[in-house]
Amino acid sequence: MAKKAVASLQTGSKRLTKAIKMVKSPKTGAYLFVESIMAPDQVNDFLNKK
């Protein structure tokens, strides 16, 4: 039911990852996309968090 997408971004010496998570809105029932750019070791925490 949940869609996950992860893309690697490299800018200079920093290595960043853009994670996109599909979340169902409790108010309307529609699906929203939540995007975040973070360090690669934080991606699993972001995707597992509700």
PDB file of N, CA and C in Angstrom:
ATOM      1  N   MET A   1       0.818  -1.192   0.000  1.00  0.00           N
ATOM      2  CA  MET A   1       0.000   0.000   0.000  1.00  0.00           C
ATOM      3  C   MET A   1       0.863   1.257   0.000  1.00  0.00           C
ATOM      4  N   ALA A   2       1.995   1.257   0.692  1.00  0.00           N
ATOM      5  CA  ALA A   2       2.851   2.437   0.732  1.00  0.00           C
ATOM      6  C   ALA A   2       3.886   2.378  -0.387  1.00  0.00           C
ATOM      7  N   LYS A   3       4.113   3.491  -0.998  1.00  0.00           N
ATOM      8  CA  LYS A   3       5.093   3.563  -2.077  1.00  0.00           C
ATOM      9  C   LYS A   3       6.348   4.234  -1.531  1.00  0.00           C
ATOM     10  N   LYS A   4       7.512   3.655  -1.835  1.00  0.00           N
ATOM     11  CA  LYS A   4       8.761   4.211  -1.359  1.00  0.00           C
ATOM     12  C   LYS A   4       9.663   4.484  -2.552  1.00  0.00           C
ATOM     13  N   ALA A   5      10.335   5.627  -2.517  1.00  0.00           N
ATOM     14  CA  ALA A   5      11.321   5.951  -3.547  1.00  0.00           C
ATOM     15  C   ALA A   5      12.507   6.610  -2.874  1.00  0.00           C
ATOM     16  N   VAL A   6      13.702   6.198  -3.247  1.00  0.00           N
ATOM     17  CA  VAL A   6      14.908   6.766  -2.663  1.00  0.00           C
ATOM     18  C   VAL A   6      15.870   7.086  -3.801  1.00  0.00           C
ATOM     19  N   ALA A   7      16.413   8.286  -3.784  1.00  0.00           N
ATOM     20  CA  ALA A   7      17.385   8.694  -4.805  1.00  0.00           C
ATOM     21  C   ALA A   7      18.613   9.251  -4.103  1.00  0.00           C
ATOM     22  N   SER A   8      19.794   8.939  -4.612  1.00  0.00           N
ATOM     23  CA  SER A   8      21.036   9.450  -4.037  1.00  0.00           C
ATOM     24  C   SER A   8      21.396  10.782  -4.676  1.00  0.00           C
ATOM     25  N   LEU A   9      21.816  11.715  -3.853  1.00  0.00           N
ATOM     26  CA  LEU A   9      22.260  13.022  -4.322  1.00  0.00           C
ATOM     27  C   LEU A   9      23.674  13.238  -3.807  1.00  0.00           C
ATOM     28  N   GLN A  10      24.570  13.660  -4.662  1.00  0.00           N
ATOM     29  CA  GLN A  10      25.930  13.944  -4.227  1.00  0.00           C
ATOM     30  C   GLN A  10      26.238  15.393  -4.541  1.00  0.00           C
ATOM     31  N   THR A  11      26.526  16.170  -3.488  1.00  0.00           N
ATOM     32  CA  THR A  11      26.858  17.579  -3.655  1.00  0.00           C
ATOM     33  C   THR A  11      28.180  17.830  -2.964  1.00  0.00           C
ATOM     34  N   GLY A  12      29.230  17.991  -3.720  1.00  0.00           N
ATOM     35  CA  GLY A  12      30.544  18.254  -3.149  1.00  0.00           C
ATOM     36  C   GLY A  12      31.018  17.083  -2.309  1.00  0.00           C
ATOM     37  N   SER A  13      31.327  17.351  -1.059  1.00  0.00           N
ATOM     38  CA  SER A  13      31.816  16.287  -0.177  1.00  0.00           C
ATOM     39  C   SER A  13      30.692  15.654   0.639  1.00  0.00           C
ATOM     40  N   LYS A  14      29.500  16.256   0.639  1.00  0.00           N
ATOM     41  CA  LYS A  14      28.384  15.697   1.399  1.00  0.00           C
ATOM     42  C   LYS A  14      27.611  14.710   0.541  1.00  0.00           C
ATOM     43  N   ARG A  15      27.190  13.623   1.139  1.00  0.00           N
ATOM     44  CA  ARG A  15      26.362  12.649   0.444  1.00  0.00           C
ATOM     45  C   ARG A  15      24.969  12.701   1.057  1.00  0.00           C
ATOM     46  N   LEU A  16      23.978  13.045   0.260  1.00  0.00           N
ATOM     47  CA  LEU A  16      22.610  13.194   0.742  1.00  0.00           C
ATOM     48  C   LEU A  16      21.690  12.265  -0.034  1.00  0.00           C
ATOM     49  N   THR A  17      20.549  11.973   0.571  1.00  0.00           N
ATOM     50  CA  THR A  17      19.551  11.106  -0.041  1.00  0.00           C
ATOM     51  C   THR A  17      18.192  11.789   0.021  1.00  0.00           C
ATOM     52  N   LYS A  18      17.455  11.730  -1.082  1.00  0.00           N
ATOM     53  CA  LYS A  18      16.095  12.262  -1.107  1.00  0.00           C
ATOM     54  C   LYS A  18      15.147  11.082  -1.007  1.00  0.00           C
ATOM     55  N   ALA A  19      14.304  11.079   0.023  1.00  0.00           N
ATOM     56  CA  ALA A  19      13.339   9.998   0.231  1.00  0.00           C
ATOM     57  C   ALA A  19      11.928  10.555   0.033  1.00  0.00           C
ATOM     58  N   ILE A  20      11.100   9.796  -0.677  1.00  0.00           N
ATOM     59  CA  ILE A  20       9.712  10.181  -0.930  1.00  0.00           C
ATOM     60  C   ILE A  20       8.820   9.082  -0.380  1.00  0.00           C
ATOM     61  N   LYS A  21       7.869   9.474   0.465  1.00  0.00           N
ATOM     62  CA  LYS A  21       6.976   8.505   1.094  1.00  0.00           C
ATOM     63  C   LYS A  21       5.534   8.889   0.776  1.00  0.00           C
ATOM     64  N   MET A  22       4.706   7.896   0.458  1.00  0.00           N
ATOM     65  CA  MET A  22       3.294   8.122   0.184  1.00  0.00           C
ATOM     66  C   MET A  22       2.521   7.828   1.469  1.00  0.00           C
ATOM     67  N   VAL A  23       1.773   8.827   1.962  1.00  0.00           N
ATOM     68  CA  VAL A  23       1.066   8.723   3.237  1.00  0.00           C
ATOM     69  C   VAL A  23      -0.413   8.996   3.007  1.00  0.00           C
ATOM     70  N   LYS A  24      -1.272   8.206   3.647  1.00  0.00           N
ATOM     71  CA  LYS A  24      -2.721   8.414   3.536  1.00  0.00           C
ATOM     72  C   LYS A  24      -3.174   9.430   4.580  1.00  0.00           C
ATOM     73  N   SER A  25      -3.885  10.444   4.150  1.00  0.00           N
ATOM     74  CA  SER A  25      -4.369  11.491   5.044  1.00  0.00           C
ATOM     75  C   SER A  25      -5.534  10.963   5.873  1.00  0.00           C
ATOM     76  N   PRO A  26      -5.473  11.110   7.204  1.00  0.00           N
ATOM     77  CA  PRO A  26      -6.578  10.637   8.033  1.00  0.00           C
ATOM     78  C   PRO A  26      -7.849  11.480   7.862  1.00  0.00           C
ATOM     79  N   LYS A  27      -7.692  12.732   7.474  1.00  0.00           N
ATOM     80  CA  LYS A  27      -8.829  13.634   7.351  1.00  0.00           C
ATOM     81  C   LYS A  27      -9.648  13.366   6.085  1.00  0.00           C
ATOM     82  N   THR A  28      -8.986  13.280   4.923  1.00  0.00           N
ATOM     83  CA  THR A  28      -9.706  13.154   3.658  1.00  0.00           C
ATOM     84  C   THR A  28      -9.618  11.761   3.047  1.00  0.00           C
ATOM     85  N   GLY A  29      -8.631  10.968   3.469  1.00  0.00           N
ATOM     86  CA  GLY A  29      -8.451   9.651   2.885  1.00  0.00           C
ATOM     87  C   GLY A  29      -7.635   9.666   1.610  1.00  0.00           C
ATOM     88  N   ALA A  30      -7.219  10.858   1.173  1.00  0.00           N
ATOM     89  CA  ALA A  30      -6.395  10.984  -0.033  1.00  0.00           C
ATOM     90  C   ALA A  30      -4.936  10.678   0.314  1.00  0.00           C
ATOM     91  N   TYR A  31      -4.159  10.345  -0.696  1.00  0.00           N
ATOM     92  CA  TYR A  31      -2.744  10.066  -0.486  1.00  0.00           C
ATOM     93  C   TYR A  31      -1.914  11.314  -0.760  1.00  0.00           C
ATOM     94  N   LEU A  32      -0.922  11.544   0.100  1.00  0.00           N
ATOM     95  CA  LEU A  32      -0.012  12.676  -0.035  1.00  0.00           C
ATOM     96  C   LEU A  32       1.402  12.151  -0.213  1.00  0.00           C
ATOM     97  N   PHE A  33       2.247  12.929  -0.834  1.00  0.00           N
ATOM     98  CA  PHE A  33       3.657  12.578  -0.954  1.00  0.00           C
ATOM     99  C   PHE A  33       4.449  13.464  -0.018  1.00  0.00           C
ATOM    100  N   VAL A  34       5.248  12.838   0.856  1.00  0.00           N
ATOM    101  CA  VAL A  34       6.100  13.555   1.798  1.00  0.00           C
ATOM    102  C   VAL A  34       7.539  13.360   1.344  1.00  0.00           C
ATOM    103  N   GLU A  35       8.257  14.451   1.085  1.00  0.00           N
ATOM    104  CA  GLU A  35       9.630  14.387   0.608  1.00  0.00           C
ATOM    105  C   GLU A  35      10.564  14.953   1.664  1.00  0.00           C
ATOM    106  N   SER A  36      11.767  14.380   1.726  1.00  0.00           N
ATOM    107  CA  SER A  36      12.770  14.869   2.653  1.00  0.00           C
ATOM    108  C   SER A  36      14.154  14.548   2.114  1.00  0.00           C
ATOM    109  N   ILE A  37      15.106  15.455   2.343  1.00  0.00           N
ATOM    110  CA  ILE A  37      16.499  15.232   1.971  1.00  0.00           C
ATOM    111  C   ILE A  37      17.286  15.072   3.262  1.00  0.00           C
ATOM    112  N   MET A  38      18.010  13.953   3.377  1.00  0.00           N
ATOM    113  CA  MET A  38      18.699  13.626   4.635  1.00  0.00           C
ATOM    114  C   MET A  38      19.935  12.792   4.365  1.00  0.00           C
ATOM    115  N   ALA A  39      20.657  12.494   5.429  1.00  0.00           N
ATOM    116  CA  ALA A  39      21.819  11.609   5.334  1.00  0.00           C
ATOM    117  C   ALA A  39      21.334  10.184   5.074  1.00  0.00           C
ATOM    118  N   PRO A  40      22.123   9.371   4.362  1.00  0.00           N
ATOM    119  CA  PRO A  40      21.671   8.017   4.007  1.00  0.00           C
ATOM    120  C   PRO A  40      21.345   7.120   5.203  1.00  0.00           C
ATOM    121  N   ASP A  41      21.969   7.347   6.357  1.00  0.00           N
ATOM    122  CA  ASP A  41      21.696   6.483   7.511  1.00  0.00           C
ATOM    123  C   ASP A  41      20.369   6.804   8.194  1.00  0.00           C
ATOM    124  N   GLN A  42      19.716   7.890   7.840  1.00  0.00           N
ATOM    125  CA  GLN A  42      18.432   8.260   8.454  1.00  0.00           C
ATOM    126  C   GLN A  42      17.228   7.862   7.615  1.00  0.00           C
ATOM    127  N   VAL A  43      17.441   7.268   6.455  1.00  0.00           N
ATOM    128  CA  VAL A  43      16.344   6.960   5.533  1.00  0.00           C
ATOM    129  C   VAL A  43      15.388   5.920   6.114  1.00  0.00           C
ATOM    130  N   ASN A  44      15.906   4.846   6.693  1.00  0.00           N
ATOM    131  CA  ASN A  44      15.023   3.801   7.250  1.00  0.00           C
ATOM    132  C   ASN A  44      14.147   4.345   8.365  1.00  0.00           C
ATOM    133  N   ASP A  45      14.677   5.213   9.223  1.00  0.00           N
ATOM    134  CA  ASP A  45      13.864   5.816  10.283  1.00  0.00           C
ATOM    135  C   ASP A  45      12.742   6.658   9.694  1.00  0.00           C
ATOM    136  N   PHE A  46      13.043   7.420   8.632  1.00  0.00           N
ATOM    137  CA  PHE A  46      12.037   8.257   7.988  1.00  0.00           C
ATOM    138  C   PHE A  46      10.926   7.421   7.357  1.00  0.00           C
ATOM    139  N   LEU A  47      11.289   6.344   6.673  1.00  0.00           N
ATOM    140  CA  LEU A  47      10.298   5.519   5.989  1.00  0.00           C
ATOM    141  C   LEU A  47       9.462   4.681   6.963  1.00  0.00           C
ATOM    142  N   ASN A  48      10.007   4.324   8.111  1.00  0.00           N
ATOM    143  CA  ASN A  48       9.275   3.515   9.086  1.00  0.00           C
ATOM    144  C   ASN A  48       8.397   4.363  10.006  1.00  0.00           C
ATOM    145  N   LYS A  49       8.665   5.668  10.087  1.00  0.00           N
ATOM    146  CA  LYS A  49       7.911   6.550  10.960  1.00  0.00           C
ATOM    147  C   LYS A  49       6.548   6.846  10.360  1.00  0.00           C
ATOM    148  N   LYS A  50       5.511   6.889  11.188  1.00  0.00           N
ATOM    149  CA  LYS A  50       4.161   7.219  10.707  1.00  0.00           C
ATOM    150  C   LYS A  50       3.923   8.696  10.722  1.00  0.00           C
TER     151      LYS A  50
END
